[in-house]
């Protein structure tokens, strides 16, 4: 077998107290000694304090939380415990609260990890729940850099009540009260001078009706290469998505969680 010298420093094998470099050396040690034995004694040390105290949750801004007790028993006590912990930011605390209430919304971050968006357009906030809003704001806040501009635009045909006071201090978050398709067309027409016409990812979680969802997907396909959809197990949404994908073979589908689906444009070579 040819010995690979080019990448030796990036392949390491621990044998006892010694560390060796090289893929070939790793295989040699494995053949000589098989899998290493594990020392079960734990090495303890104090970690430096990295998380600060964040402000207590204003539960008046999370009025729907109590409604989740039917499918998430004891959620109020869980959230109260979360409220006593230390977090790097209020958005980090909101992340824990949102995932505690609706665990599948963590799959939104899986989509973000794949797409790496800096500019997100969210169609539908889910009323006072706004799980997706909190998750996307958390992603953009935790990955922002001084040189990279982040932007999150939420769209809903209904006015925001508790959600707007909850997140309005986030400087890169904007809200448009309008129908989702109307909002996309208005953005594309350049009516908002500070908004881009193309986004890294568009999230669809609005009417869940056919053919409205189908037209949302079609319109979004002219504004992004990545579309994330919620509730794709709902018959009207499933029909809309299926029809779009059948007509557009360049889009690939991956189901991230129950009802959470990411589609991406990948043209043939």
C-alpha atoms as a PDB file:
ATOM      1  CA  UNK A   1       0.000   0.000   0.000  1.00  0.00           C
ATOM      2  CA  UNK A   2       1.325   3.471  -0.910  1.00  0.00           C
ATOM      3  CA  UNK A   3       2.391   5.498   2.117  1.00  0.00           C
ATOM      4  CA  UNK A   4       0.642   8.894   2.236  1.00  0.00           C
ATOM      5  CA  UNK A   5       3.023  11.574   3.515  1.00  0.00           C
ATOM      6  CA  UNK A   6       1.096  14.651   2.384  1.00  0.00           C
ATOM      7  CA  UNK A   7      -1.460  14.708   5.199  1.00  0.00           C
ATOM      8  CA  UNK A   8       0.356  12.987   8.071  1.00  0.00           C
ATOM      9  CA  UNK A   9       0.018  15.893  10.479  1.00  0.00           C
ATOM     10  CA  UNK A  10      -3.791  15.758  10.224  1.00  0.00           C
ATOM     11  CA  UNK A  11      -4.170  12.047  11.068  1.00  0.00           C
ATOM     12  CA  UNK A  12      -3.308  11.304  14.697  1.00  0.00           C
ATOM     13  CA  UNK A  13      -3.334   8.115  16.756  1.00  0.00           C
ATOM     14  CA  UNK A  14      -3.031   7.979  20.570  1.00  0.00           C
ATOM     15  CA  UNK A  15      -1.190   4.916  21.869  1.00  0.00           C
ATOM     16  CA  UNK A  16      -0.807   5.029  25.641  1.00  0.00           C
ATOM     17  CA  UNK A  17       0.699   8.416  26.433  1.00  0.00           C
ATOM     18  CA  UNK A  18       2.198   8.861  22.967  1.00  0.00           C
ATOM     19  CA  UNK A  19       0.621  10.592  19.957  1.00  0.00           C
ATOM     20  CA  UNK A  20       1.623   9.464  16.479  1.00  0.00           C
ATOM     21  CA  UNK A  21       1.014  11.107  13.107  1.00  0.00           C
ATOM     22  CA  UNK A  22       0.022   9.442   9.875  1.00  0.00           C
ATOM     23  CA  UNK A  23      -2.749   7.243   8.519  1.00  0.00           C
ATOM     24  CA  UNK A  24      -0.326   4.384   7.883  1.00  0.00           C
ATOM     25  CA  UNK A  25       1.006   4.542  11.465  1.00  0.00           C
ATOM     26  CA  UNK A  26      -2.550   4.415  12.794  1.00  0.00           C
ATOM     27  CA  UNK A  27      -3.273   1.221  10.878  1.00  0.00           C
ATOM     28  CA  UNK A  28       0.028  -0.297  12.013  1.00  0.00           C
ATOM     29  CA  UNK A  29      -0.802   0.346  15.672  1.00  0.00           C
ATOM     30  CA  UNK A  30      -4.328  -1.035  15.181  1.00  0.00           C
ATOM     31  CA  UNK A  31      -3.001  -4.256  13.613  1.00  0.00           C
ATOM     32  CA  UNK A  32      -0.446  -4.671  16.406  1.00  0.00           C
ATOM     33  CA  UNK A  33      -2.690  -3.861  19.390  1.00  0.00           C
ATOM     34  CA  UNK A  34      -6.295  -3.813  18.105  1.00  0.00           C
ATOM     35  CA  UNK A  35      -8.704  -1.371  19.784  1.00  0.00           C
ATOM     36  CA  UNK A  36      -7.157   0.489  22.741  1.00  0.00           C
ATOM     37  CA  UNK A  37      -8.254  -0.048  26.319  1.00  0.00           C
ATOM     38  CA  UNK A  38     -10.053   2.837  27.981  1.00  0.00           C
ATOM     39  CA  UNK A  39      -8.990   4.415  31.263  1.00  0.00           C
ATOM     40  CA  UNK A  40     -12.322   5.127  33.001  1.00  0.00           C
ATOM     41  CA  UNK A  41     -10.831   7.582  35.514  1.00  0.00           C
ATOM     42  CA  UNK A  42     -12.238  11.079  34.897  1.00  0.00           C
ATOM     43  CA  UNK A  43      -9.885  14.045  34.747  1.00  0.00           C
ATOM     44  CA  UNK A  44     -11.518  16.986  36.517  1.00  0.00           C
ATOM     45  CA  UNK A  45     -10.914  20.690  36.087  1.00  0.00           C
ATOM     46  CA  UNK A  46     -12.834  23.908  36.507  1.00  0.00           C
ATOM     47  CA  UNK A  47     -14.122  25.481  33.329  1.00  0.00           C
ATOM     48  CA  UNK A  48     -13.748  29.231  32.868  1.00  0.00           C
ATOM     49  CA  UNK A  49     -16.994  31.159  33.284  1.00  0.00           C
ATOM     50  CA  UNK A  50     -18.295  31.825  29.789  1.00  0.00           C
ATOM     51  CA  UNK A  51     -22.008  32.366  30.288  1.00  0.00           C
ATOM     52  CA  UNK A  52     -23.487  35.419  31.906  1.00  0.00           C
ATOM     53  CA  UNK A  53     -26.825  36.062  33.542  1.00  0.00           C
ATOM     54  CA  UNK A  54     -29.523  36.943  31.028  1.00  0.00           C
ATOM     55  CA  UNK A  55     -32.689  38.788  31.938  1.00  0.00           C
ATOM     56  CA  UNK A  56     -35.633  36.798  33.332  1.00  0.00           C
ATOM     57  CA  UNK A  57     -38.273  35.879  30.801  1.00  0.00           C
ATOM     58  CA  UNK A  58     -41.227  38.197  30.616  1.00  0.00           C
ATOM     59  CA  UNK A  59     -43.922  35.517  30.618  1.00  0.00           C
ATOM     60  CA  UNK A  60     -46.489  38.029  29.442  1.00  0.00           C
ATOM     61  CA  UNK A  61     -44.705  37.811  26.075  1.00  0.00           C
ATOM     62  CA  UNK A  62     -45.054  33.995  25.981  1.00  0.00           C
ATOM     63  CA  UNK A  63     -48.796  33.617  26.654  1.00  0.00           C
ATOM     64  CA  UNK A  64     -49.196  30.459  24.571  1.00  0.00           C
ATOM     65  CA  UNK A  65     -46.648  28.468  26.579  1.00  0.00           C
ATOM     66  CA  UNK A  66     -49.291  27.121  28.938  1.00  0.00           C
ATOM     67  CA  UNK A  67     -51.156  25.641  25.962  1.00  0.00           C
ATOM     68  CA  UNK A  68     -48.314  23.180  25.346  1.00  0.00           C
ATOM     69  CA  UNK A  69     -48.901  21.360  28.620  1.00  0.00           C
ATOM     70  CA  UNK A  70     -51.237  18.931  26.868  1.00  0.00           C
ATOM     71  CA  UNK A  71     -48.437  17.510  24.699  1.00  0.00           C
ATOM     72  CA  UNK A  72     -45.514  18.570  26.867  1.00  0.00           C
ATOM     73  CA  UNK A  73     -46.531  17.873  30.491  1.00  0.00           C
ATOM     74  CA  UNK A  74     -44.895  20.075  33.095  1.00  0.00           C
ATOM     75  CA  UNK A  75     -43.632  22.578  30.541  1.00  0.00           C
ATOM     76  CA  UNK A  76     -44.202  25.562  32.832  1.00  0.00           C
ATOM     77  CA  UNK A  77     -41.888  24.082  35.476  1.00  0.00           C
ATOM     78  CA  UNK A  78     -39.358  23.229  32.771  1.00  0.00           C
ATOM     79  CA  UNK A  79     -39.375  26.781  31.477  1.00  0.00           C
ATOM     80  CA  UNK A  80     -39.145  28.181  35.006  1.00  0.00           C
ATOM     81  CA  UNK A  81     -36.044  26.032  35.532  1.00  0.00           C
ATOM     82  CA  UNK A  82     -34.601  27.291  32.248  1.00  0.00           C
ATOM     83  CA  UNK A  83     -35.235  30.833  33.417  1.00  0.00           C
ATOM     84  CA  UNK A  84     -32.923  30.323  36.409  1.00  0.00           C
ATOM     85  CA  UNK A  85     -29.958  29.254  34.279  1.00  0.00           C
ATOM     86  CA  UNK A  86     -27.126  31.350  32.852  1.00  0.00           C
ATOM     87  CA  UNK A  87     -27.052  32.146  29.145  1.00  0.00           C
ATOM     88  CA  UNK A  88     -24.833  34.113  26.828  1.00  0.00           C
ATOM     89  CA  UNK A  89     -27.822  36.076  25.543  1.00  0.00           C
ATOM     90  CA  UNK A  90     -31.588  36.359  25.742  1.00  0.00           C
ATOM     91  CA  UNK A  91     -31.790  34.733  22.307  1.00  0.00           C
ATOM     92  CA  UNK A  92     -29.951  31.706  23.647  1.00  0.00           C
ATOM     93  CA  UNK A  93     -32.517  31.429  26.424  1.00  0.00           C
ATOM     94  CA  UNK A  94     -35.299  31.763  23.840  1.00  0.00           C
ATOM     95  CA  UNK A  95     -33.677  28.892  21.921  1.00  0.00           C
ATOM     96  CA  UNK A  96     -34.034  26.580  24.921  1.00  0.00           C
ATOM     97  CA  UNK A  97     -37.596  27.657  25.555  1.00  0.00           C
ATOM     98  CA  UNK A  98     -38.602  27.132  21.917  1.00  0.00           C
ATOM     99  CA  UNK A  99     -37.003  23.693  21.665  1.00  0.00           C
ATOM    100  CA  UNK A 100     -38.587  22.688  24.976  1.00  0.00           C
ATOM    101  CA  UNK A 101     -42.004  23.674  23.660  1.00  0.00           C
ATOM    102  CA  UNK A 102     -41.658  22.216  20.147  1.00  0.00           C
ATOM    103  CA  UNK A 103     -38.643  19.874  19.802  1.00  0.00           C
ATOM    104  CA  UNK A 104     -38.862  19.569  16.010  1.00  0.00           C
ATOM    105  CA  UNK A 105     -37.998  23.241  15.584  1.00  0.00           C
ATOM    106  CA  UNK A 106     -34.378  22.259  16.303  1.00  0.00           C
ATOM    107  CA  UNK A 107     -34.458  20.837  12.771  1.00  0.00           C
ATOM    108  CA  UNK A 108     -34.621  24.425  11.500  1.00  0.00           C
ATOM    109  CA  UNK A 109     -31.048  24.768  12.727  1.00  0.00           C
ATOM    110  CA  UNK A 110     -30.121  21.621  10.796  1.00  0.00           C
ATOM    111  CA  UNK A 111     -31.305  23.408   7.661  1.00  0.00           C
ATOM    112  CA  UNK A 112     -29.289  26.473   8.645  1.00  0.00           C
ATOM    113  CA  UNK A 113     -26.194  24.338   9.206  1.00  0.00           C
ATOM    114  CA  UNK A 114     -26.575  23.009   5.655  1.00  0.00           C
ATOM    115  CA  UNK A 115     -27.423  26.266   3.900  1.00  0.00           C
ATOM    116  CA  UNK A 116     -25.373  28.650   6.109  1.00  0.00           C
ATOM    117  CA  UNK A 117     -27.792  31.558   5.486  1.00  0.00           C
ATOM    118  CA  UNK A 118     -26.999  35.186   6.248  1.00  0.00           C
ATOM    119  CA  UNK A 119     -30.288  36.522   4.835  1.00  0.00           C
ATOM    120  CA  UNK A 120     -33.534  34.686   5.676  1.00  0.00           C
ATOM    121  CA  UNK A 121     -37.095  35.414   4.577  1.00  0.00           C
ATOM    122  CA  UNK A 122     -39.710  33.803   6.844  1.00  0.00           C
ATOM    123  CA  UNK A 123     -43.265  33.417   5.536  1.00  0.00           C
ATOM    124  CA  UNK A 124     -45.556  32.870   8.519  1.00  0.00           C
ATOM    125  CA  UNK A 125     -44.594  33.378  12.159  1.00  0.00           C
ATOM    126  CA  UNK A 126     -47.049  30.977  13.786  1.00  0.00           C
ATOM    127  CA  UNK A 127     -48.913  33.677  15.671  1.00  0.00           C
ATOM    128  CA  UNK A 128     -47.712  34.207  19.232  1.00  0.00           C
ATOM    129  CA  UNK A 129     -45.606  31.042  19.099  1.00  0.00           C
ATOM    130  CA  UNK A 130     -42.993  32.278  16.601  1.00  0.00           C
ATOM    131  CA  UNK A 131     -40.764  29.246  17.129  1.00  0.00           C
ATOM    132  CA  UNK A 132     -39.196  29.642  13.717  1.00  0.00           C
ATOM    133  CA  UNK A 133     -38.603  33.353  14.287  1.00  0.00           C
ATOM    134  CA  UNK A 134     -36.710  32.679  17.513  1.00  0.00           C
ATOM    135  CA  UNK A 135     -34.641  29.884  15.969  1.00  0.00           C
ATOM    136  CA  UNK A 136     -33.627  31.887  12.905  1.00  0.00           C
ATOM    137  CA  UNK A 137     -32.783  34.939  15.004  1.00  0.00           C
ATOM    138  CA  UNK A 138     -30.669  32.721  17.259  1.00  0.00           C
ATOM    139  CA  UNK A 139     -28.819  31.295  14.249  1.00  0.00           C
ATOM    140  CA  UNK A 140     -28.099  34.686  12.714  1.00  0.00           C
ATOM    141  CA  UNK A 141     -27.091  36.217  16.052  1.00  0.00           C
ATOM    142  CA  UNK A 142     -24.722  33.369  16.946  1.00  0.00           C
ATOM    143  CA  UNK A 143     -23.043  33.278  13.521  1.00  0.00           C
ATOM    144  CA  UNK A 144     -22.831  36.982  12.713  1.00  0.00           C
ATOM    145  CA  UNK A 145     -19.469  38.640  12.136  1.00  0.00           C
ATOM    146  CA  UNK A 146     -18.519  42.326  11.862  1.00  0.00           C
ATOM    147  CA  UNK A 147     -18.009  41.969   8.111  1.00  0.00           C
ATOM    148  CA  UNK A 148     -21.080  39.888   7.270  1.00  0.00           C
ATOM    149  CA  UNK A 149     -24.452  41.601   7.300  1.00  0.00           C
ATOM    150  CA  UNK A 150     -27.263  39.477   8.671  1.00  0.00           C
ATOM    151  CA  UNK A 151     -30.929  40.043   7.910  1.00  0.00           C
ATOM    152  CA  UNK A 152     -34.130  38.306   8.929  1.00  0.00           C
ATOM    153  CA  UNK A 153     -37.490  39.369   7.523  1.00  0.00           C
ATOM    154  CA  UNK A 154     -40.676  37.841   8.906  1.00  0.00           C
ATOM    155  CA  UNK A 155     -43.943  38.038   6.985  1.00  0.00           C
ATOM    156  CA  UNK A 156     -47.440  37.357   8.283  1.00  0.00           C
ATOM    157  CA  UNK A 157     -50.854  38.555   7.157  1.00  0.00           C
ATOM    158  CA  UNK A 158     -51.837  39.091  10.787  1.00  0.00           C
ATOM    159  CA  UNK A 159     -50.373  41.776  13.072  1.00  0.00           C
ATOM    160  CA  UNK A 160     -47.876  40.695  15.700  1.00  0.00           C
ATOM    161  CA  UNK A 161     -48.965  41.027  19.292  1.00  0.00           C
ATOM    162  CA  UNK A 162     -46.595  39.461  21.835  1.00  0.00           C
ATOM    163  CA  UNK A 163     -43.965  38.464  19.282  1.00  0.00           C
ATOM    164  CA  UNK A 164     -43.023  42.000  18.268  1.00  0.00           C
ATOM    165  CA  UNK A 165     -42.172  43.163  21.829  1.00  0.00           C
ATOM    166  CA  UNK A 166     -40.382  39.844  22.385  1.00  0.00           C
ATOM    167  CA  UNK A 167     -37.815  40.270  19.615  1.00  0.00           C
ATOM    168  CA  UNK A 168     -38.047  43.890  18.457  1.00  0.00           C
ATOM    169  CA  UNK A 169     -34.720  44.856  20.065  1.00  0.00           C
ATOM    170  CA  UNK A 170     -32.872  42.619  17.564  1.00  0.00           C
ATOM    171  CA  UNK A 171     -31.529  45.173  15.054  1.00  0.00           C
ATOM    172  CA  UNK A 172     -31.415  42.847  12.040  1.00  0.00           C
ATOM    173  CA  UNK A 173     -35.047  41.671  12.394  1.00  0.00           C
ATOM    174  CA  UNK A 174     -37.801  43.238  10.276  1.00  0.00           C
ATOM    175  CA  UNK A 175     -41.497  42.454   9.955  1.00  0.00           C
ATOM    176  CA  UNK A 176     -43.896  42.868   7.016  1.00  0.00           C
ATOM    177  CA  UNK A 177     -47.637  42.557   7.642  1.00  0.00           C
ATOM    178  CA  UNK A 178     -48.977  41.213   4.362  1.00  0.00           C
ATOM    179  CA  UNK A 179     -49.884  38.106   2.440  1.00  0.00           C
ATOM    180  CA  UNK A 180     -46.744  36.072   1.755  1.00  0.00           C
ATOM    181  CA  UNK A 181     -46.985  36.079  -2.048  1.00  0.00           C
ATOM    182  CA  UNK A 182     -47.756  39.806  -2.109  1.00  0.00           C
ATOM    183  CA  UNK A 183     -44.791  40.456   0.187  1.00  0.00           C
ATOM    184  CA  UNK A 184     -42.406  38.478  -2.041  1.00  0.00           C
ATOM    185  CA  UNK A 185     -43.559  40.305  -5.176  1.00  0.00           C
ATOM    186  CA  UNK A 186     -43.251  43.664  -3.418  1.00  0.00           C
ATOM    187  CA  UNK A 187     -39.724  42.838  -2.259  1.00  0.00           C
ATOM    188  CA  UNK A 188     -38.759  41.720  -5.770  1.00  0.00           C
ATOM    189  CA  UNK A 189     -40.137  44.981  -7.170  1.00  0.00           C
ATOM    190  CA  UNK A 190     -37.665  46.905  -5.006  1.00  0.00           C
ATOM    191  CA  UNK A 191     -40.226  48.670  -2.823  1.00  0.00           C
ATOM    192  CA  UNK A 192     -37.957  48.179   0.212  1.00  0.00           C
ATOM    193  CA  UNK A 193     -34.680  49.832  -0.672  1.00  0.00           C
ATOM    194  CA  UNK A 194     -32.779  48.232   2.226  1.00  0.00           C
ATOM    195  CA  UNK A 195     -33.979  44.685   1.488  1.00  0.00           C
ATOM    196  CA  UNK A 196     -32.309  42.344  -0.993  1.00  0.00           C
ATOM    197  CA  UNK A 197     -34.287  40.688  -3.770  1.00  0.00           C
ATOM    198  CA  UNK A 198     -32.499  37.373  -3.319  1.00  0.00           C
ATOM    199  CA  UNK A 199     -32.223  35.453  -0.044  1.00  0.00           C
ATOM    200  CA  UNK A 200     -30.006  32.626   1.167  1.00  0.00           C
ATOM    201  CA  UNK A 201     -33.042  30.732   2.451  1.00  0.00           C
ATOM    202  CA  UNK A 202     -36.818  31.191   2.443  1.00  0.00           C
ATOM    203  CA  UNK A 203     -39.004  29.508   5.067  1.00  0.00           C
ATOM    204  CA  UNK A 204     -42.647  28.676   4.252  1.00  0.00           C
ATOM    205  CA  UNK A 205     -45.110  28.115   7.095  1.00  0.00           C
ATOM    206  CA  UNK A 206     -48.212  30.123   6.241  1.00  0.00           C
ATOM    207  CA  UNK A 207     -51.683  29.130   5.023  1.00  0.00           C
ATOM    208  CA  UNK A 208     -50.983  25.384   4.463  1.00  0.00           C
ATOM    209  CA  UNK A 209     -53.544  25.503   1.660  1.00  0.00           C
ATOM    210  CA  UNK A 210     -53.388  24.379  -1.955  1.00  0.00           C
ATOM    211  CA  UNK A 211     -52.714  26.102  -4.331  1.00  0.00           C
ATOM    212  CA  UNK A 212     -51.498  29.032  -2.184  1.00  0.00           C
ATOM    213  CA  UNK A 213     -48.532  26.989  -0.938  1.00  0.00           C
ATOM    214  CA  UNK A 214     -47.682  25.901  -4.486  1.00  0.00           C
ATOM    215  CA  UNK A 215     -47.524  29.535  -5.624  1.00  0.00           C
ATOM    216  CA  UNK A 216     -45.426  30.404  -2.572  1.00  0.00           C
ATOM    217  CA  UNK A 217     -42.887  27.753  -3.541  1.00  0.00           C
ATOM    218  CA  UNK A 218     -42.906  28.876  -7.174  1.00  0.00           C
ATOM    219  CA  UNK A 219     -42.386  32.526  -6.242  1.00  0.00           C
ATOM    220  CA  UNK A 220     -39.703  31.647  -3.690  1.00  0.00           C
ATOM    221  CA  UNK A 221     -37.817  29.620  -6.319  1.00  0.00           C
ATOM    222  CA  UNK A 222     -37.067  32.910  -8.134  1.00  0.00           C
ATOM    223  CA  UNK A 223     -35.629  34.434  -4.964  1.00  0.00           C
ATOM    224  CA  UNK A 224     -33.479  31.680  -3.432  1.00  0.00           C
ATOM    225  CA  UNK A 225     -31.761  28.346  -3.986  1.00  0.00           C
ATOM    226  CA  UNK A 226     -32.938  26.922  -0.633  1.00  0.00           C
ATOM    227  CA  UNK A 227     -36.513  26.626   0.616  1.00  0.00           C
ATOM    228  CA  UNK A 228     -37.429  25.236   4.034  1.00  0.00           C
ATOM    229  CA  UNK A 229     -41.028  24.133   4.600  1.00  0.00           C
ATOM    230  CA  UNK A 230     -42.914  23.214   7.747  1.00  0.00           C
ATOM    231  CA  UNK A 231     -45.941  20.905   8.058  1.00  0.00           C
ATOM    232  CA  UNK A 232     -45.200  19.038   4.829  1.00  0.00           C
ATOM    233  CA  UNK A 233     -47.318  16.162   6.141  1.00  0.00           C
ATOM    234  CA  UNK A 234     -50.431  18.352   5.791  1.00  0.00           C
ATOM    235  CA  UNK A 235     -52.204  17.084   2.629  1.00  0.00           C
ATOM    236  CA  UNK A 236     -52.415  20.476   0.861  1.00  0.00           C
ATOM    237  CA  UNK A 237     -48.771  21.265   1.588  1.00  0.00           C
ATOM    238  CA  UNK A 238     -47.688  17.773   0.536  1.00  0.00           C
ATOM    239  CA  UNK A 239     -49.596  18.121  -2.746  1.00  0.00           C
ATOM    240  CA  UNK A 240     -48.095  21.536  -3.437  1.00  0.00           C
ATOM    241  CA  UNK A 241     -44.557  20.352  -2.758  1.00  0.00           C
ATOM    242  CA  UNK A 242     -44.999  17.176  -4.786  1.00  0.00           C
ATOM    243  CA  UNK A 243     -46.323  19.060  -7.816  1.00  0.00           C
ATOM    244  CA  UNK A 244     -43.490  21.576  -7.681  1.00  0.00           C
ATOM    245  CA  UNK A 245     -40.791  18.905  -7.433  1.00  0.00           C
ATOM    246  CA  UNK A 246     -42.298  16.869 -10.256  1.00  0.00           C
ATOM    247  CA  UNK A 247     -42.121  19.916 -12.518  1.00  0.00           C
ATOM    248  CA  UNK A 248     -38.662  21.052 -11.359  1.00  0.00           C
ATOM    249  CA  UNK A 249     -36.144  18.207 -11.315  1.00  0.00           C
ATOM    250  CA  UNK A 250     -33.305  20.563 -10.378  1.00  0.00           C
ATOM    251  CA  UNK A 251     -34.617  20.765  -6.817  1.00  0.00           C
ATOM    252  CA  UNK A 252     -33.571  18.074  -4.326  1.00  0.00           C
ATOM    253  CA  UNK A 253     -35.569  17.166  -1.224  1.00  0.00           C
ATOM    254  CA  UNK A 254     -34.484  16.091   2.235  1.00  0.00           C
ATOM    255  CA  UNK A 255     -36.869  15.535   5.166  1.00  0.00           C
ATOM    256  CA  UNK A 256     -35.131  16.842   8.282  1.00  0.00           C
ATOM    257  CA  UNK A 257     -37.826  15.956  10.779  1.00  0.00           C
ATOM    258  CA  UNK A 258     -41.485  15.001  10.885  1.00  0.00           C
ATOM    259  CA  UNK A 259     -43.066  17.586   8.604  1.00  0.00           C
ATOM    260  CA  UNK A 260     -39.925  19.714   8.201  1.00  0.00           C
ATOM    261  CA  UNK A 261     -38.486  19.558   4.684  1.00  0.00           C
ATOM    262  CA  UNK A 262     -35.597  21.318   2.961  1.00  0.00           C
ATOM    263  CA  UNK A 263     -35.408  21.585  -0.814  1.00  0.00           C
ATOM    264  CA  UNK A 264     -32.361  22.936  -2.624  1.00  0.00           C
ATOM    265  CA  UNK A 265     -31.647  23.771  -6.243  1.00  0.00           C
ATOM    266  CA  UNK A 266     -28.885  21.626  -7.760  1.00  0.00           C
ATOM    267  CA  UNK A 267     -28.612  21.828 -11.527  1.00  0.00           C
ATOM    268  CA  UNK A 268     -27.096  18.947 -13.460  1.00  0.00           C
ATOM    269  CA  UNK A 269     -23.428  19.278 -14.423  1.00  0.00           C
END
